[in-house]
Structure formats: C-alpha cells, structure tokens
N, C-alpha and C. Protein backbone atom coordinates (compact mmCIF):
# COMPACT_ATOMS: atom_id res chain seq x y z
N GLU A 1 198.06 29.47 77.23
CA GLU A 1 197.61 30.51 78.15
C GLU A 1 196.22 30.97 77.71
N THR A 2 195.29 30.95 78.61
CA THR A 2 193.95 31.39 78.27
C THR A 2 193.85 32.91 78.35
N ARG A 3 193.05 33.45 77.47
CA ARG A 3 192.86 34.90 77.39
C ARG A 3 191.37 35.19 77.34
N PRO A 4 190.99 36.41 77.69
CA PRO A 4 189.56 36.73 77.67
C PRO A 4 188.98 36.91 76.27
N SER A 5 189.85 37.09 75.26
CA SER A 5 189.35 37.25 73.90
C SER A 5 190.39 36.75 72.91
N MET A 6 189.94 36.54 71.67
CA MET A 6 190.85 36.15 70.60
C MET A 6 190.44 36.84 69.32
N LYS A 7 191.42 37.01 68.45
CA LYS A 7 191.17 37.67 67.17
C LYS A 7 191.30 36.64 66.07
N TYR A 8 190.28 36.57 65.21
CA TYR A 8 190.31 35.65 64.08
C TYR A 8 189.74 36.38 62.88
N LEU A 9 190.54 36.49 61.81
CA LEU A 9 190.16 37.18 60.59
C LEU A 9 189.66 38.60 60.85
N GLY A 10 190.29 39.27 61.79
CA GLY A 10 189.96 40.65 62.07
C GLY A 10 188.77 40.86 62.99
N VAL A 11 188.17 39.79 63.47
CA VAL A 11 187.03 39.89 64.39
C VAL A 11 187.49 39.41 65.76
N HIS A 12 187.23 40.22 66.76
CA HIS A 12 187.60 39.89 68.14
C HIS A 12 186.44 39.16 68.80
N PHE A 13 186.69 37.93 69.22
CA PHE A 13 185.68 37.14 69.93
C PHE A 13 186.04 37.13 71.40
N ASP A 14 185.05 37.39 72.26
CA ASP A 14 185.29 37.34 73.69
C ASP A 14 184.43 36.25 74.32
N ARG A 15 184.57 36.11 75.63
CA ARG A 15 183.77 35.09 76.32
C ARG A 15 182.30 35.32 76.08
N ASN A 16 181.56 34.26 75.96
CA ASN A 16 180.11 34.29 75.75
C ASN A 16 179.71 34.98 74.44
N LEU A 17 180.66 35.26 73.59
CA LEU A 17 180.42 35.87 72.28
C LEU A 17 179.59 37.15 72.38
N LEU A 18 179.90 37.99 73.34
CA LEU A 18 179.19 39.26 73.49
C LEU A 18 179.71 40.33 72.53
N MET A 19 180.88 40.11 71.96
CA MET A 19 181.50 40.98 70.96
C MET A 19 181.87 42.36 71.50
N ALA A 20 181.97 42.50 72.80
CA ALA A 20 182.34 43.79 73.39
C ALA A 20 183.75 44.18 72.98
N LYS A 21 184.66 43.24 73.00
CA LYS A 21 186.05 43.51 72.62
C LYS A 21 186.13 43.95 71.16
N HIS A 22 185.36 43.30 70.29
CA HIS A 22 185.39 43.64 68.86
C HIS A 22 184.90 45.08 68.65
N ILE A 23 183.81 45.43 69.28
CA ILE A 23 183.27 46.77 69.09
C ILE A 23 184.22 47.81 69.66
N GLU A 24 184.81 47.53 70.80
CA GLU A 24 185.78 48.45 71.40
C GLU A 24 186.99 48.66 70.50
N GLU A 25 187.57 47.56 70.01
CA GLU A 25 188.75 47.65 69.15
C GLU A 25 188.41 48.30 67.80
N THR A 26 187.25 47.99 67.26
CA THR A 26 186.84 48.55 65.97
C THR A 26 186.64 50.05 66.06
N THR A 27 185.99 50.51 67.11
CA THR A 27 185.77 51.94 67.25
C THR A 27 187.09 52.68 67.48
N LYS A 28 188.00 52.08 68.21
CA LYS A 28 189.34 52.68 68.40
C LYS A 28 190.06 52.78 67.06
N ARG A 29 190.02 51.71 66.29
CA ARG A 29 190.71 51.69 65.00
C ARG A 29 190.08 52.70 64.03
N ALA A 30 188.76 52.78 64.03
CA ALA A 30 188.08 53.74 63.15
C ALA A 30 188.45 55.17 63.52
N ALA A 31 188.52 55.46 64.81
CA ALA A 31 188.90 56.80 65.25
C ALA A 31 190.34 57.12 64.84
N MET A 32 191.22 56.14 64.94
CA MET A 32 192.61 56.35 64.56
C MET A 32 192.73 56.61 63.05
N VAL A 33 192.03 55.83 62.25
CA VAL A 33 192.08 55.99 60.80
C VAL A 33 191.49 57.35 60.41
N MET A 34 190.38 57.74 61.05
CA MET A 34 189.78 59.03 60.75
C MET A 34 190.76 60.16 61.09
N ARG A 35 191.41 60.05 62.23
CA ARG A 35 192.38 61.07 62.63
C ARG A 35 193.53 61.16 61.63
N LYS A 36 194.05 60.01 61.21
CA LYS A 36 195.17 60.02 60.27
C LYS A 36 194.76 60.57 58.90
N LEU A 37 193.58 60.20 58.43
CA LEU A 37 193.13 60.70 57.13
C LEU A 37 192.81 62.19 57.17
N THR A 38 192.24 62.65 58.26
CA THR A 38 191.95 64.09 58.34
C THR A 38 193.23 64.91 58.48
N ASN A 39 194.29 64.33 59.01
CA ASN A 39 195.57 65.04 59.07
C ASN A 39 196.16 65.26 57.69
N LEU A 40 195.77 64.45 56.72
CA LEU A 40 196.25 64.60 55.36
C LEU A 40 195.51 65.69 54.58
N MET A 41 194.38 66.10 55.10
CA MET A 41 193.54 67.07 54.38
C MET A 41 194.10 68.48 54.51
N PRO A 42 193.77 69.32 53.54
CA PRO A 42 194.27 70.70 53.59
C PRO A 42 193.67 71.47 54.76
N ARG A 43 194.44 72.39 55.31
CA ARG A 43 193.98 73.19 56.44
C ARG A 43 193.25 74.46 55.99
N LYS A 44 193.71 75.04 54.90
CA LYS A 44 193.05 76.25 54.41
C LYS A 44 191.84 75.87 53.57
N LYS A 45 190.74 76.53 53.84
CA LYS A 45 189.46 76.31 53.18
C LYS A 45 188.88 74.93 53.47
N GLY A 46 189.66 74.02 53.97
CA GLY A 46 189.17 72.70 54.30
C GLY A 46 188.91 71.84 53.08
N PRO A 47 188.69 70.56 53.28
CA PRO A 47 188.42 69.66 52.16
C PRO A 47 187.00 69.82 51.64
N ASN A 48 186.80 69.49 50.37
CA ASN A 48 185.44 69.56 49.83
C ASN A 48 184.65 68.33 50.28
N GLN A 49 183.38 68.32 49.98
CA GLN A 49 182.52 67.26 50.47
C GLN A 49 182.90 65.89 49.91
N LYS A 50 183.33 65.83 48.67
CA LYS A 50 183.73 64.54 48.09
C LYS A 50 184.90 63.93 48.85
N THR A 51 185.85 64.76 49.22
CA THR A 51 187.00 64.27 49.99
C THR A 51 186.56 63.80 51.36
N ARG A 52 185.68 64.54 52.00
CA ARG A 52 185.19 64.13 53.32
C ARG A 52 184.40 62.83 53.23
N ARG A 53 183.67 62.65 52.13
CA ARG A 53 182.92 61.40 51.96
C ARG A 53 183.84 60.20 51.74
N ILE A 54 184.98 60.40 51.11
CA ILE A 54 185.95 59.31 50.94
C ILE A 54 186.46 58.86 52.30
N VAL A 55 186.73 59.81 53.17
CA VAL A 55 187.15 59.47 54.53
C VAL A 55 186.03 58.71 55.23
N ALA A 56 184.79 59.15 55.06
CA ALA A 56 183.65 58.50 55.70
C ALA A 56 183.50 57.06 55.23
N VAL A 57 183.63 56.84 53.94
CA VAL A 57 183.51 55.48 53.41
C VAL A 57 184.60 54.59 53.98
N SER A 58 185.80 55.11 54.12
CA SER A 58 186.90 54.33 54.70
C SER A 58 186.60 53.97 56.15
N VAL A 59 186.13 54.93 56.91
CA VAL A 59 185.85 54.68 58.33
C VAL A 59 184.66 53.74 58.48
N TYR A 60 183.61 53.92 57.67
CA TYR A 60 182.46 53.02 57.75
C TYR A 60 182.84 51.60 57.34
N SER A 61 183.78 51.44 56.44
CA SER A 61 184.24 50.09 56.08
C SER A 61 184.85 49.40 57.28
N ILE A 62 185.59 50.16 58.07
CA ILE A 62 186.20 49.59 59.28
C ILE A 62 185.12 49.28 60.31
N LEU A 63 184.21 50.22 60.53
CA LEU A 63 183.17 50.02 61.54
C LEU A 63 182.24 48.85 61.21
N LEU A 64 181.94 48.65 59.94
CA LEU A 64 180.97 47.63 59.54
C LEU A 64 181.58 46.31 59.11
N TYR A 65 182.90 46.17 59.28
CA TYR A 65 183.56 44.94 58.86
C TYR A 65 182.97 43.75 59.63
N ALA A 66 182.60 42.72 58.92
CA ALA A 66 182.05 41.47 59.47
C ALA A 66 180.78 41.72 60.28
N ALA A 67 179.96 42.67 59.87
CA ALA A 67 178.73 43.00 60.59
C ALA A 67 177.80 41.80 60.80
N PRO A 68 177.67 40.88 59.84
CA PRO A 68 176.79 39.74 60.11
C PRO A 68 177.23 38.90 61.31
N ALA A 69 178.51 38.91 61.62
CA ALA A 69 179.01 38.10 62.75
C ALA A 69 178.64 38.72 64.09
N TRP A 70 178.51 40.03 64.16
CA TRP A 70 178.25 40.67 65.45
C TRP A 70 176.97 41.51 65.45
N GLU A 71 176.07 41.19 64.56
CA GLU A 71 174.80 41.94 64.45
C GLU A 71 174.03 41.95 65.77
N ASP A 72 173.99 40.85 66.47
CA ASP A 72 173.23 40.78 67.72
C ASP A 72 173.80 41.70 68.80
N ALA A 73 175.08 41.99 68.74
CA ALA A 73 175.71 42.84 69.76
C ALA A 73 175.18 44.26 69.72
N VAL A 74 174.71 44.72 68.58
CA VAL A 74 174.22 46.09 68.44
C VAL A 74 172.91 46.29 69.21
N ARG A 75 172.24 45.22 69.50
CA ARG A 75 170.98 45.33 70.24
C ARG A 75 171.21 45.71 71.70
N ARG A 76 172.43 45.55 72.18
CA ARG A 76 172.77 45.96 73.55
C ARG A 76 173.09 47.46 73.54
N ASP A 77 172.50 48.18 74.47
CA ASP A 77 172.65 49.63 74.50
C ASP A 77 174.10 50.08 74.62
N CYS A 78 174.88 49.41 75.46
CA CYS A 78 176.27 49.84 75.67
C CYS A 78 177.09 49.72 74.39
N HIS A 79 176.87 48.67 73.61
CA HIS A 79 177.60 48.50 72.36
C HIS A 79 177.12 49.49 71.30
N ARG A 80 175.81 49.67 71.22
CA ARG A 80 175.25 50.60 70.24
C ARG A 80 175.74 52.02 70.51
N ARG A 81 175.82 52.40 71.78
CA ARG A 81 176.30 53.75 72.11
C ARG A 81 177.74 53.97 71.67
N LYS A 82 178.59 52.95 71.81
CA LYS A 82 179.98 53.09 71.35
C LYS A 82 180.04 53.30 69.84
N LEU A 83 179.25 52.53 69.11
CA LEU A 83 179.22 52.69 67.66
C LEU A 83 178.62 54.03 67.25
N GLU A 84 177.59 54.46 67.96
CA GLU A 84 176.98 55.76 67.65
C GLU A 84 177.95 56.89 67.91
N LYS A 85 178.78 56.76 68.93
CA LYS A 85 179.78 57.78 69.23
C LYS A 85 180.79 57.90 68.08
N ALA A 86 181.23 56.75 67.56
CA ALA A 86 182.16 56.76 66.43
C ALA A 86 181.47 57.33 65.18
N GLN A 87 180.22 56.96 64.96
CA GLN A 87 179.48 57.48 63.81
C GLN A 87 179.26 58.98 63.95
N ARG A 88 178.99 59.42 65.15
CA ARG A 88 178.76 60.85 65.38
C ARG A 88 179.99 61.67 64.99
N ARG A 89 181.18 61.21 65.40
CA ARG A 89 182.42 61.91 65.02
C ARG A 89 182.56 61.98 63.50
N MET A 90 182.24 60.88 62.85
CA MET A 90 182.36 60.83 61.39
C MET A 90 181.36 61.77 60.73
N ASN A 91 180.13 61.78 61.22
CA ASN A 91 179.10 62.63 60.64
C ASN A 91 179.37 64.12 60.87
N ILE A 92 179.99 64.46 61.99
CA ILE A 92 180.39 65.85 62.23
C ILE A 92 181.43 66.26 61.20
N LEU A 93 182.37 65.37 60.91
CA LEU A 93 183.39 65.67 59.91
C LEU A 93 182.76 65.85 58.53
N VAL A 94 181.87 64.95 58.14
CA VAL A 94 181.26 65.01 56.81
C VAL A 94 180.39 66.24 56.65
N SER A 95 179.58 66.55 57.65
CA SER A 95 178.64 67.66 57.52
C SER A 95 179.22 69.00 57.97
N GLN A 96 180.35 68.97 58.62
CA GLN A 96 181.00 70.16 59.18
C GLN A 96 180.04 70.91 60.10
N ALA A 97 179.30 70.18 60.90
CA ALA A 97 178.33 70.76 61.82
C ALA A 97 178.98 71.02 63.18
N TYR A 98 178.27 71.75 64.01
CA TYR A 98 178.72 71.98 65.37
C TYR A 98 178.63 70.68 66.18
N ARG A 99 179.43 70.60 67.23
CA ARG A 99 179.40 69.43 68.11
C ARG A 99 178.09 69.32 68.86
N THR A 100 177.36 70.42 68.98
CA THR A 100 176.10 70.40 69.72
C THR A 100 174.92 69.93 68.88
N THR A 101 175.14 69.68 67.61
CA THR A 101 174.07 69.20 66.73
C THR A 101 173.67 67.80 67.17
N SER A 102 172.38 67.52 67.15
CA SER A 102 171.90 66.21 67.60
C SER A 102 172.36 65.10 66.65
N THR A 103 172.45 63.91 67.19
CA THR A 103 172.90 62.76 66.41
C THR A 103 171.94 62.46 65.27
N ALA A 104 170.65 62.57 65.53
CA ALA A 104 169.65 62.30 64.48
C ALA A 104 169.81 63.29 63.33
N ALA A 105 170.02 64.55 63.65
CA ALA A 105 170.19 65.57 62.62
C ALA A 105 171.50 65.34 61.85
N LEU A 106 172.55 64.95 62.55
CA LEU A 106 173.82 64.69 61.89
C LEU A 106 173.69 63.56 60.87
N CYS A 107 172.98 62.51 61.24
CA CYS A 107 172.80 61.39 60.31
C CYS A 107 172.09 61.84 59.03
N VAL A 108 171.06 62.66 59.19
CA VAL A 108 170.30 63.12 58.02
C VAL A 108 171.14 64.06 57.16
N VAL A 109 171.76 65.05 57.78
CA VAL A 109 172.53 66.03 57.02
C VAL A 109 173.72 65.36 56.33
N ALA A 110 174.41 64.46 57.02
CA ALA A 110 175.55 63.77 56.42
C ALA A 110 175.10 62.75 55.37
N GLY A 111 173.88 62.22 55.52
CA GLY A 111 173.36 61.28 54.53
C GLY A 111 173.67 59.82 54.83
N TYR A 112 173.96 59.52 56.09
CA TYR A 112 174.24 58.13 56.48
C TYR A 112 173.21 57.70 57.52
N PRO A 113 172.56 56.54 57.32
CA PRO A 113 171.58 56.07 58.30
C PRO A 113 172.24 55.81 59.65
N PRO A 114 171.45 55.73 60.71
CA PRO A 114 172.00 55.37 62.01
C PRO A 114 172.76 54.04 61.93
N ILE A 115 173.79 53.92 62.74
CA ILE A 115 174.70 52.78 62.63
C ILE A 115 174.00 51.44 62.86
N ASP A 116 173.01 51.38 63.73
CA ASP A 116 172.33 50.11 63.95
C ASP A 116 171.57 49.67 62.71
N LEU A 117 171.02 50.62 61.95
CA LEU A 117 170.35 50.27 60.69
C LEU A 117 171.36 49.83 59.64
N MET A 118 172.55 50.45 59.64
CA MET A 118 173.59 50.06 58.69
C MET A 118 174.06 48.63 58.97
N VAL A 119 174.23 48.29 60.24
CA VAL A 119 174.65 46.94 60.62
C VAL A 119 173.58 45.93 60.23
N GLU A 120 172.34 46.26 60.52
CA GLU A 120 171.23 45.37 60.16
C GLU A 120 171.17 45.16 58.65
N GLY A 121 171.36 46.23 57.89
CA GLY A 121 171.33 46.12 56.43
C GLY A 121 172.44 45.25 55.89
N ARG A 122 173.66 45.41 56.43
CA ARG A 122 174.77 44.56 55.99
C ARG A 122 174.51 43.10 56.30
N ALA A 123 173.99 42.83 57.50
CA ALA A 123 173.72 41.45 57.89
C ALA A 123 172.62 40.83 57.04
N ARG A 124 171.56 41.59 56.79
CA ARG A 124 170.47 41.07 55.96
C ARG A 124 170.92 40.84 54.53
N ALA A 125 171.74 41.74 53.99
CA ALA A 125 172.24 41.57 52.62
C ALA A 125 173.11 40.32 52.53
N HIS A 126 173.85 40.04 53.59
CA HIS A 126 174.68 38.84 53.61
C HIS A 126 173.82 37.58 53.62
N ARG A 127 172.74 37.61 54.43
CA ARG A 127 171.87 36.43 54.53
C ARG A 127 171.02 36.23 53.29
N GLU A 128 170.46 37.32 52.75
CA GLU A 128 169.48 37.21 51.67
C GLU A 128 170.09 37.30 50.28
N GLY A 129 171.32 37.71 50.16
CA GLY A 129 171.97 37.77 48.86
C GLY A 129 171.93 39.15 48.24
N LYS A 130 172.74 39.32 47.21
CA LYS A 130 172.88 40.63 46.57
C LYS A 130 171.62 41.07 45.84
N GLU A 131 170.82 40.12 45.37
CA GLU A 131 169.62 40.51 44.64
C GLU A 131 168.59 41.20 45.54
N ALA A 132 168.68 41.02 46.85
CA ALA A 132 167.76 41.66 47.78
C ALA A 132 168.29 43.00 48.30
N LYS A 133 169.45 43.42 47.81
CA LYS A 133 170.10 44.62 48.34
C LYS A 133 169.24 45.87 48.17
N LYS A 134 168.66 46.06 47.01
CA LYS A 134 167.84 47.25 46.75
C LYS A 134 166.62 47.28 47.67
N ARG A 135 165.97 46.14 47.83
CA ARG A 135 164.79 46.06 48.70
C ARG A 135 165.18 46.35 50.15
N ILE A 136 166.31 45.84 50.59
CA ILE A 136 166.79 46.07 51.96
C ILE A 136 167.09 47.55 52.16
N GLU A 137 167.71 48.19 51.18
CA GLU A 137 168.00 49.63 51.28
C GLU A 137 166.71 50.44 51.40
N GLU A 138 165.68 50.05 50.64
CA GLU A 138 164.39 50.75 50.72
C GLU A 138 163.76 50.56 52.10
N GLU A 139 163.85 49.36 52.66
CA GLU A 139 163.27 49.10 53.98
C GLU A 139 164.02 49.87 55.06
N ILE A 140 165.33 49.96 54.93
CA ILE A 140 166.12 50.72 55.90
C ILE A 140 165.77 52.20 55.80
N LEU A 141 165.62 52.71 54.59
CA LEU A 141 165.23 54.11 54.41
C LEU A 141 163.85 54.37 55.02
N ALA A 142 162.92 53.43 54.86
CA ALA A 142 161.58 53.59 55.44
C ALA A 142 161.65 53.58 56.97
N THR A 143 162.46 52.71 57.53
CA THR A 143 162.63 52.66 58.99
C THR A 143 163.27 53.94 59.50
N TRP A 144 164.27 54.42 58.77
CA TRP A 144 164.95 55.66 59.14
C TRP A 144 163.98 56.84 59.09
N GLN A 145 163.15 56.90 58.04
CA GLN A 145 162.16 57.98 57.92
C GLN A 145 161.15 57.91 59.07
N GLU A 146 160.75 56.70 59.43
CA GLU A 146 159.81 56.54 60.54
C GLU A 146 160.42 57.05 61.85
N ARG A 147 161.69 56.72 62.09
CA ARG A 147 162.37 57.22 63.28
C ARG A 147 162.47 58.75 63.24
N TRP A 148 162.76 59.28 62.07
CA TRP A 148 162.90 60.73 61.89
C TRP A 148 161.57 61.43 62.19
N ASP A 149 160.46 60.82 61.74
CA ASP A 149 159.15 61.41 61.97
C ASP A 149 158.72 61.34 63.44
N THR A 150 159.06 60.26 64.13
CA THR A 150 158.62 60.08 65.51
C THR A 150 159.55 60.72 66.53
N ASN A 151 160.73 61.14 66.12
CA ASN A 151 161.68 61.78 67.02
C ASN A 151 161.21 63.21 67.29
N VAL A 152 160.65 63.44 68.46
CA VAL A 152 160.10 64.76 68.76
C VAL A 152 160.99 65.58 69.70
N SER A 153 161.96 64.95 70.32
CA SER A 153 162.74 65.67 71.32
C SER A 153 163.93 66.42 70.75
N THR A 154 164.49 65.96 69.64
CA THR A 154 165.69 66.60 69.10
C THR A 154 165.53 66.90 67.62
N ALA A 155 166.42 67.70 67.10
CA ALA A 155 166.53 67.98 65.67
C ALA A 155 165.30 68.66 65.08
N GLN A 156 164.61 69.47 65.86
CA GLN A 156 163.38 70.11 65.37
C GLN A 156 163.65 71.09 64.23
N TRP A 157 164.71 71.86 64.34
CA TRP A 157 165.02 72.83 63.29
C TRP A 157 165.42 72.10 62.01
N THR A 158 166.23 71.08 62.14
CA THR A 158 166.63 70.30 60.96
C THR A 158 165.42 69.62 60.35
N LYS A 159 164.52 69.12 61.20
CA LYS A 159 163.31 68.46 60.70
C LYS A 159 162.40 69.44 59.96
N THR A 160 162.42 70.70 60.37
CA THR A 160 161.64 71.72 59.67
C THR A 160 162.20 71.94 58.26
N LEU A 161 163.52 71.93 58.15
CA LEU A 161 164.16 72.13 56.85
C LEU A 161 164.14 70.88 55.97
N ILE A 162 164.27 69.72 56.60
CA ILE A 162 164.32 68.45 55.86
C ILE A 162 163.27 67.51 56.46
N PRO A 163 161.99 67.68 56.08
CA PRO A 163 160.96 66.81 56.65
C PRO A 163 160.99 65.39 56.08
N ASP A 164 161.42 65.26 54.82
CA ASP A 164 161.47 63.95 54.16
C ASP A 164 162.92 63.67 53.78
N ILE A 165 163.41 62.53 54.19
CA ILE A 165 164.83 62.19 53.99
C ILE A 165 165.15 61.86 52.54
N ARG A 166 164.25 61.17 51.85
CA ARG A 166 164.53 60.70 50.48
C ARG A 166 164.92 61.80 49.51
N PRO A 167 164.17 62.91 49.40
CA PRO A 167 164.61 63.97 48.47
C PRO A 167 165.97 64.57 48.86
N TRP A 168 166.25 64.64 50.15
CA TRP A 168 167.53 65.17 50.61
C TRP A 168 168.67 64.27 50.15
N LEU A 169 168.48 62.96 50.27
CA LEU A 169 169.54 62.02 49.91
C LEU A 169 169.73 61.92 48.40
N THR A 170 168.66 62.11 47.63
CA THR A 170 168.74 61.92 46.18
C THR A 170 168.95 63.22 45.42
N ARG A 171 169.14 64.32 46.13
CA ARG A 171 169.36 65.60 45.44
C ARG A 171 170.63 65.51 44.61
N GLY A 172 170.65 66.17 43.51
CA GLY A 172 171.80 66.11 42.63
C GLY A 172 172.67 67.34 42.68
N HIS A 173 172.41 68.23 43.59
CA HIS A 173 173.15 69.49 43.62
C HIS A 173 173.48 69.87 45.06
N GLY A 174 174.36 70.79 45.21
CA GLY A 174 174.69 71.36 46.52
C GLY A 174 175.59 70.48 47.36
N GLU A 175 176.42 71.15 48.13
CA GLU A 175 177.29 70.46 49.07
C GLU A 175 176.98 70.93 50.47
N VAL A 176 177.20 70.07 51.42
CA VAL A 176 177.04 70.44 52.81
C VAL A 176 178.39 70.94 53.29
N GLU A 177 178.38 72.12 53.89
CA GLU A 177 179.60 72.68 54.42
C GLU A 177 179.26 73.49 55.67
N TYR A 178 180.28 74.07 56.26
CA TYR A 178 180.12 74.79 57.51
C TYR A 178 179.07 75.89 57.40
N PHE A 179 179.10 76.67 56.33
CA PHE A 179 178.18 77.78 56.20
C PHE A 179 176.81 77.34 55.74
C-alpha cells in the first residue's frame, strides 16, 4: 500500500522530500515532551533556571534530530514558521517572559539562537567535522548579532538593555526569571 510519507530512523520522508511531515511530527512531539516535562515541575515558586534549561535541551534535541537530513526544508517559510513557533514556546518557558514578547527578544533573553541558525550549525558541524565546531559557533553568533543589530521593528526595549549578545550569553551570574 502506498502512503504519502514514511518513517525511517525517526525521520519522516514525504513525497518530493519536502520534509513537511517530519517538521510537523517533530514539532508535535517536542510540544508533547515539553508539556509532560513541565507538568513534573513544582507549581509553587516555579522551577529555577537550571531546571528550565534541562527541559529546553531535551526539547531542542527532539527539534534538531537529524538536522543535516532536512536542512534545506528550513529555507521554506512555512516550515521555518512551524519550527519558530515551537522554539518560541520553549523560549517563553526558559525566560519566563510574557507571551507578547517578540521572538527575537525571546531568543536573546533565553540564550538560544534562532532555530534556522541552530539547524544550519548542526548541518555544518556534521559536514565539516567536530574540529570546526568552535568556528561554526562563532560564525552563527556573528550572524545572530548581525540580525539583532538590523532588526529595527521589534525588541527595541530588549535591544536597549542587551545591545551585544556575546556578553549576555557569557555572563557568569544572574538568572532570568519572571521578575
């Protein structure tokens, strides 16, 4: 019986290898895992930032699984928007920000690059090897900073507080929380 898609080693392949099914299933699974893990967290005072980051790492592992196989799919706006929506939910949890906070600001405050840059980094690290990992991370950070500088429509207040991403990411103190 022919089907519109098939699953092999956890990657969903569809007709013409557009990877729409994979991205749809992956974002659903990531949302389910995030929901289940957050249900385990304490309700009073909420979880600390380290606990929220553990949940984020788990969800990002699901979202970025086999990224080199579907890297080209992220270039399509409809697929990228689905991934950004999943990342946005995760970044709201990590930063404990309001739902009205812009996506660009959420990425900076939570400390995770935009999902398309994360996918590109995983794919490049796979192609170029582990020894190029540090260089790839630096290039992704530079691209992210460039996007942050040129983004004039959103996140102006956050940009006033955090004009440069690198010191924010490498700070050794303080936690991000609701207050």
